Amino acid sequence: MSDSPKADEARDDFILQERLSGRSARSISKELHCPVSEIDESLDRTLPKITNEAKRRIIALDLDRLDELLKVFFNRAVEKIDAQAGLLVVKILERKAALLGLDSPQKLDVVQVQATKEPTGHERIRAAIMNLVNSAPPAQRALRERLEHIDPEEALRALDAAGLGGDGNGKDQTH
C-alpha cells in the first residue's frame, strides 16, 4: 500500500478502470507488483455494494426509465401505426415483467391427470376370475365368503363331520 490516501485512491481508480476496460486482475497485479488478492480488495473498495436496497433502487430506476420509453414508443406505435415501435413496446413490457418477476412460474393448484393405461395380462386374468366369482349364485358366494374366514383344515374337518369330506387332501374318496 502507498503512504497517502490520495495515492491509494488513485491506485484503486487505476485498478477499476483497467478491470472495466477488460484487463485481467493477474495482468494488473504483475504491473503493480502485488498479489491478485490486493486487486480484488481494491475492487471491493471501489465497486458499489450490491445489497437488497441497492437492487431495489436499481430496479425502481429501471422501471421508471422503461415507463418513459413506453410512453414514447406506445404513442408512436398507435398513432403512426409503426410496427418497429410496436415491437419495442412489447420488448419493454417483457423487460418490465422480467424485472418484476411476473414471468416466473407461479404456484398453481396442480391438477393431476392420469393417463388410462391398458391393463396387464395378469390384471385381465384377475378381472375375468373375479367376474366369474361375482357371477356365482348367492349361496355359493356366501359359502366362499365363510370359507375365507376359517382355517382350511378347520373347513375340511367340518365337511368331514358333515359326511361331505374326502380323504382330507382335497380328493373325494368316492371317485
Protein backbone atom coordinates (compact mmCIF):
# COMPACT_ATOMS: atom_id res chain seq x y z
CA MET A 1 0.00 0.00 0.00
CA SER A 2 1.02 3.62 -0.51
CA ASP A 3 1.73 6.22 2.10
CA SER A 4 -1.07 8.67 1.24
CA PRO A 5 -4.80 8.17 0.97
CA LYS A 6 -4.81 10.08 -2.35
CA ALA A 7 -2.27 7.65 -3.79
CA ASP A 8 -4.42 4.72 -2.59
CA GLU A 9 -7.49 6.27 -4.22
CA ALA A 10 -5.57 6.88 -7.45
CA ARG A 11 -4.34 3.28 -7.39
CA ASP A 12 -7.89 2.00 -6.74
CA ASP A 13 -9.21 4.17 -9.60
CA PHE A 14 -6.49 2.84 -11.91
CA ILE A 15 -7.32 -0.76 -11.00
CA LEU A 16 -11.04 -0.15 -11.51
CA GLN A 17 -10.54 1.49 -14.91
CA GLU A 18 -8.21 -1.30 -16.05
CA ARG A 19 -10.70 -4.01 -14.99
CA LEU A 20 -13.58 -2.11 -16.63
CA SER A 21 -11.60 -1.99 -19.87
CA GLY A 22 -11.31 -5.79 -19.73
CA ARG A 23 -7.82 -6.27 -18.36
CA SER A 24 -7.31 -9.31 -16.12
CA ALA A 25 -6.60 -8.98 -12.41
CA ARG A 26 -3.48 -11.07 -12.88
CA SER A 27 -2.10 -8.71 -15.52
CA ILE A 28 -2.73 -5.67 -13.31
CA SER A 29 -1.16 -7.40 -10.31
CA LYS A 30 2.01 -8.06 -12.35
CA GLU A 31 2.23 -4.43 -13.40
CA LEU A 32 1.70 -3.16 -9.86
CA HIS A 33 3.90 -5.88 -8.30
CA CYS A 34 1.21 -7.02 -5.87
CA PRO A 35 -0.85 -10.18 -5.34
CA VAL A 36 -4.17 -10.66 -7.12
CA SER A 37 -5.86 -10.55 -3.71
CA GLU A 38 -4.90 -6.83 -3.43
CA ILE A 39 -6.52 -6.18 -6.81
CA ASP A 40 -9.69 -7.88 -5.54
CA GLU A 41 -9.60 -5.86 -2.29
CA SER A 42 -9.24 -2.66 -4.30
CA LEU A 43 -12.28 -3.59 -6.39
CA ASP A 44 -14.24 -4.37 -3.23
CA ARG A 45 -13.48 -0.83 -2.02
CA THR A 46 -14.38 0.93 -5.27
CA LEU A 47 -17.29 -1.01 -6.73
CA PRO A 48 -20.78 -0.29 -5.42
CA LYS A 49 -22.10 -2.68 -2.78
CA ILE A 50 -24.90 -4.89 -4.09
CA THR A 51 -27.38 -5.07 -1.25
CA ASN A 52 -31.11 -5.74 -1.35
CA GLU A 53 -31.71 -1.99 -1.04
CA ALA A 54 -29.32 -1.32 -3.94
CA LYS A 55 -31.11 -3.93 -6.05
CA ARG A 56 -34.50 -2.42 -5.18
CA ARG A 57 -33.24 1.06 -6.10
CA ILE A 58 -31.77 -0.13 -9.42
CA ILE A 59 -34.97 -1.96 -10.32
CA ALA A 60 -37.09 1.08 -9.42
CA LEU A 61 -34.90 3.34 -11.61
CA ASP A 62 -35.04 0.88 -14.49
CA LEU A 63 -38.83 0.65 -14.22
CA ASP A 64 -39.10 4.45 -14.38
CA ARG A 65 -36.83 4.55 -17.44
CA LEU A 66 -38.83 1.82 -19.11
CA ASP A 67 -42.09 3.68 -18.39
CA GLU A 68 -40.69 6.81 -20.10
CA LEU A 69 -39.66 4.76 -23.14
CA LEU A 70 -43.03 3.03 -23.14
CA LYS A 71 -44.87 6.37 -23.38
CA VAL A 72 -42.87 7.44 -26.42
CA PHE A 73 -42.96 4.19 -28.37
CA PHE A 74 -46.53 3.25 -27.46
CA ASN A 75 -47.81 6.56 -28.84
CA ARG A 76 -45.67 6.15 -31.96
CA ALA A 77 -46.91 2.57 -32.46
CA VAL A 78 -50.57 3.52 -32.11
CA GLU A 79 -50.68 6.97 -33.75
CA LYS A 80 -48.32 6.29 -36.64
CA ILE A 81 -49.03 2.55 -36.88
CA ASP A 82 -45.29 1.95 -36.57
CA ALA A 83 -44.52 -1.78 -36.41
CA GLN A 84 -40.97 -1.23 -35.11
CA ALA A 85 -42.28 0.94 -32.30
CA GLY A 86 -44.86 -1.75 -31.54
CA LEU A 87 -42.09 -4.34 -31.27
CA LEU A 88 -40.18 -2.05 -28.91
CA VAL A 89 -43.31 -1.69 -26.76
CA VAL A 90 -43.55 -5.46 -26.50
CA LYS A 91 -39.85 -5.70 -25.59
CA ILE A 92 -40.27 -3.00 -22.94
CA LEU A 93 -43.25 -4.81 -21.45
CA GLU A 94 -41.31 -8.09 -21.43
CA ARG A 95 -38.40 -6.41 -19.64
CA LYS A 96 -40.71 -4.89 -17.04
CA ALA A 97 -42.33 -8.26 -16.44
CA ALA A 98 -38.89 -9.85 -16.03
CA LEU A 99 -37.76 -7.18 -13.54
CA LEU A 100 -40.93 -7.63 -11.50
CA GLY A 101 -40.80 -11.42 -11.66
CA LEU A 102 -44.13 -11.64 -13.46
CA ASP A 103 -42.86 -14.23 -15.92
CA SER A 104 -41.60 -16.61 -13.27
CA PRO A 105 -43.73 -19.68 -12.60
CA GLN A 106 -46.41 -19.01 -10.05
CA LYS A 107 -47.69 -21.55 -7.56
CA LEU A 108 -50.69 -23.13 -9.20
CA ASP A 109 -53.17 -25.66 -7.99
CA VAL A 110 -51.89 -28.82 -9.56
CA VAL A 111 -54.41 -30.87 -11.40
CA GLN A 112 -53.14 -34.35 -11.88
CA VAL A 113 -54.23 -36.13 -14.98
CA GLN A 114 -53.58 -39.82 -15.12
CA ALA A 115 -53.34 -41.46 -18.46
CA THR A 116 -55.51 -44.51 -18.79
CA LYS A 117 -53.25 -47.44 -19.37
CA GLU A 118 -54.13 -50.79 -20.77
CA PRO A 119 -54.43 -53.48 -18.08
CA THR A 120 -51.64 -56.03 -17.95
CA GLY A 121 -52.27 -59.68 -18.77
CA HIS A 122 -52.27 -60.50 -15.06
CA GLU A 123 -54.85 -57.77 -14.38
CA ARG A 124 -57.11 -59.04 -17.19
CA ILE A 125 -56.95 -62.64 -15.91
CA ARG A 126 -57.70 -61.49 -12.34
CA ALA A 127 -60.66 -59.42 -13.59
CA ALA A 128 -62.04 -62.42 -15.51
CA ILE A 129 -61.75 -64.67 -12.42
CA MET A 130 -63.37 -62.06 -10.21
CA ASN A 131 -66.22 -61.71 -12.73
CA LEU A 132 -66.80 -65.48 -12.52
CA VAL A 133 -66.67 -65.41 -8.72
CA ASN A 134 -69.08 -62.49 -8.52
CA SER A 135 -71.49 -64.01 -11.02
CA ALA A 136 -71.87 -67.21 -8.94
CA PRO A 137 -75.25 -67.86 -7.28
CA PRO A 138 -75.72 -66.10 -3.91
CA ALA A 139 -75.43 -69.30 -1.84
CA GLN A 140 -72.12 -70.18 -3.50
CA ARG A 141 -70.76 -66.66 -2.88
CA ALA A 142 -71.88 -66.82 0.78
CA LEU A 143 -70.14 -70.20 1.19
CA ARG A 144 -66.93 -68.83 -0.35
CA GLU A 145 -67.01 -65.79 1.97
CA ARG A 146 -67.46 -68.02 5.03
CA LEU A 147 -64.62 -70.29 3.94
CA GLU A 148 -62.31 -67.28 3.59
CA HIS A 149 -62.76 -66.57 7.31
CA ILE A 150 -61.82 -70.00 8.62
CA ASP A 151 -58.67 -72.08 8.55
CA PRO A 152 -58.64 -74.58 5.60
CA GLU A 153 -58.03 -77.52 7.93
CA GLU A 154 -60.99 -76.44 10.08
CA ALA A 155 -63.16 -76.29 6.94
CA LEU A 156 -62.12 -79.84 5.97
CA ARG A 157 -62.87 -81.12 9.47
CA ALA A 158 -66.32 -79.52 9.32
CA LEU A 159 -67.00 -81.10 5.93
CA ASP A 160 -65.78 -84.50 7.18
CA ALA A 161 -68.01 -84.20 10.25
CA ALA A 162 -70.96 -83.50 7.98
CA GLY A 163 -70.08 -86.57 5.91
CA LEU A 164 -69.13 -84.42 2.90
CA GLY A 165 -65.36 -84.82 3.08
CA GLY A 166 -62.86 -86.73 1.03
CA ASP A 167 -59.53 -88.05 2.26
CA GLY A 168 -58.52 -84.70 3.78
CA ASN A 169 -56.26 -83.83 0.86
CA GLY A 170 -58.93 -82.32 -1.30
CA LYS A 171 -59.60 -85.60 -3.15
CA ASP A 172 -63.02 -87.16 -2.86
CA GLN A 173 -62.87 -90.86 -1.84
CA THR A 174 -65.90 -91.78 -3.92
CA HIS A 175 -64.16 -91.11 -7.26
